[in-house]
């Protein structure tokens, strides 16, 4: 299955062609923390941020449909 969330450490705002086609509808979360220092706290922060997002898959939000 395609990933729902892609976490990018080290503050880089690019995919580097990683899962290019599979990530078309993925959510991205960028962390300034370098990979060796990335731990449980950063991971839970990424999951918490992801849980707040309104995933529309290219469509309108519920508010915009009204």
C-alpha atoms as a PDB file:
ATOM      1  CA  UNK A   1       0.000   0.000   0.000  1.00  0.00           C
ATOM      2  CA  UNK A   2       1.007   3.604  -0.529  1.00  0.00           C
ATOM      3  CA  UNK A   3       2.349   5.480   2.505  1.00  0.00           C
ATOM      4  CA  UNK A   4      -0.018   7.861   4.259  1.00  0.00           C
ATOM      5  CA  UNK A   5       2.755   9.781   6.032  1.00  0.00           C
ATOM      6  CA  UNK A   6       6.344  10.389   4.973  1.00  0.00           C
ATOM      7  CA  UNK A   7       8.663  11.738   7.658  1.00  0.00           C
ATOM      8  CA  UNK A   8      11.728  13.569   6.404  1.00  0.00           C
ATOM      9  CA  UNK A   9      14.471  14.196   8.996  1.00  0.00           C
ATOM     10  CA  UNK A  10      17.275  16.785   8.781  1.00  0.00           C
ATOM     11  CA  UNK A  11      15.063  19.640   7.558  1.00  0.00           C
ATOM     12  CA  UNK A  12      15.352  18.739   3.878  1.00  0.00           C
ATOM     13  CA  UNK A  13      12.230  19.781   1.947  1.00  0.00           C
ATOM     14  CA  UNK A  14      12.623  17.254  -0.871  1.00  0.00           C
ATOM     15  CA  UNK A  15      11.875  13.619  -1.633  1.00  0.00           C
ATOM     16  CA  UNK A  16      15.115  12.764  -3.453  1.00  0.00           C
ATOM     17  CA  UNK A  17      12.962  10.565  -5.757  1.00  0.00           C
ATOM     18  CA  UNK A  18      12.072   8.303  -2.810  1.00  0.00           C
ATOM     19  CA  UNK A  19       8.730   6.569  -3.499  1.00  0.00           C
ATOM     20  CA  UNK A  20       8.005   9.248  -6.066  1.00  0.00           C
ATOM     21  CA  UNK A  21       4.842   7.723  -7.558  1.00  0.00           C
ATOM     22  CA  UNK A  22       3.632   6.054  -4.382  1.00  0.00           C
ATOM     23  CA  UNK A  23       3.702   9.318  -2.416  1.00  0.00           C
ATOM     24  CA  UNK A  24       1.268  11.224  -4.661  1.00  0.00           C
ATOM     25  CA  UNK A  25      -1.368  11.431  -1.903  1.00  0.00           C
ATOM     26  CA  UNK A  26       0.966  11.115   1.075  1.00  0.00           C
ATOM     27  CA  UNK A  27       1.240  13.710   3.803  1.00  0.00           C
ATOM     28  CA  UNK A  28       4.733  15.025   4.504  1.00  0.00           C
ATOM     29  CA  UNK A  29       6.226  15.967   7.845  1.00  0.00           C
ATOM     30  CA  UNK A  30       9.694  17.529   7.973  1.00  0.00           C
ATOM     31  CA  UNK A  31      11.787  17.492  11.131  1.00  0.00           C
ATOM     32  CA  UNK A  32      14.905  19.566  11.763  1.00  0.00           C
ATOM     33  CA  UNK A  33      16.257  16.698  13.878  1.00  0.00           C
ATOM     34  CA  UNK A  34      19.009  14.650  12.251  1.00  0.00           C
ATOM     35  CA  UNK A  35      18.318  10.944  11.725  1.00  0.00           C
ATOM     36  CA  UNK A  36      20.700   9.610  14.431  1.00  0.00           C
ATOM     37  CA  UNK A  37      18.920  11.809  17.016  1.00  0.00           C
ATOM     38  CA  UNK A  38      15.387  11.082  15.782  1.00  0.00           C
ATOM     39  CA  UNK A  39      13.521   9.234  18.502  1.00  0.00           C
ATOM     40  CA  UNK A  40      10.208   8.420  20.104  1.00  0.00           C
ATOM     41  CA  UNK A  41       9.329  12.044  20.944  1.00  0.00           C
ATOM     42  CA  UNK A  42       9.812  13.207  17.351  1.00  0.00           C
ATOM     43  CA  UNK A  43       7.835  10.256  16.041  1.00  0.00           C
ATOM     44  CA  UNK A  44       4.891  10.916  18.357  1.00  0.00           C
ATOM     45  CA  UNK A  45       5.027  14.616  17.407  1.00  0.00           C
ATOM     46  CA  UNK A  46       4.768  13.639  13.728  1.00  0.00           C
ATOM     47  CA  UNK A  47       1.842  11.292  14.418  1.00  0.00           C
ATOM     48  CA  UNK A  48       0.027  13.946  16.483  1.00  0.00           C
ATOM     49  CA  UNK A  49       0.414  16.510  13.701  1.00  0.00           C
ATOM     50  CA  UNK A  50      -0.770  13.987  11.119  1.00  0.00           C
ATOM     51  CA  UNK A  51      -3.860  13.157  13.193  1.00  0.00           C
ATOM     52  CA  UNK A  52      -4.940  16.835  13.078  1.00  0.00           C
ATOM     53  CA  UNK A  53      -4.808  17.094   9.289  1.00  0.00           C
ATOM     54  CA  UNK A  54      -7.851  17.175   7.025  1.00  0.00           C
ATOM     55  CA  UNK A  55      -6.952  14.708   4.286  1.00  0.00           C
ATOM     56  CA  UNK A  56      -8.770  15.614   1.068  1.00  0.00           C
ATOM     57  CA  UNK A  57      -6.816  13.672  -1.575  1.00  0.00           C
ATOM     58  CA  UNK A  58      -6.995  16.638  -3.948  1.00  0.00           C
ATOM     59  CA  UNK A  59     -10.656  17.427  -3.245  1.00  0.00           C
ATOM     60  CA  UNK A  60     -12.386  20.203  -1.336  1.00  0.00           C
ATOM     61  CA  UNK A  61     -12.654  20.323   2.427  1.00  0.00           C
ATOM     62  CA  UNK A  62     -16.013  19.793   4.098  1.00  0.00           C
ATOM     63  CA  UNK A  63     -16.285  23.550   4.714  1.00  0.00           C
ATOM     64  CA  UNK A  64     -15.552  24.433   1.079  1.00  0.00           C
ATOM     65  CA  UNK A  65     -18.261  22.065  -0.220  1.00  0.00           C
ATOM     66  CA  UNK A  66     -21.019  24.043   1.508  1.00  0.00           C
END
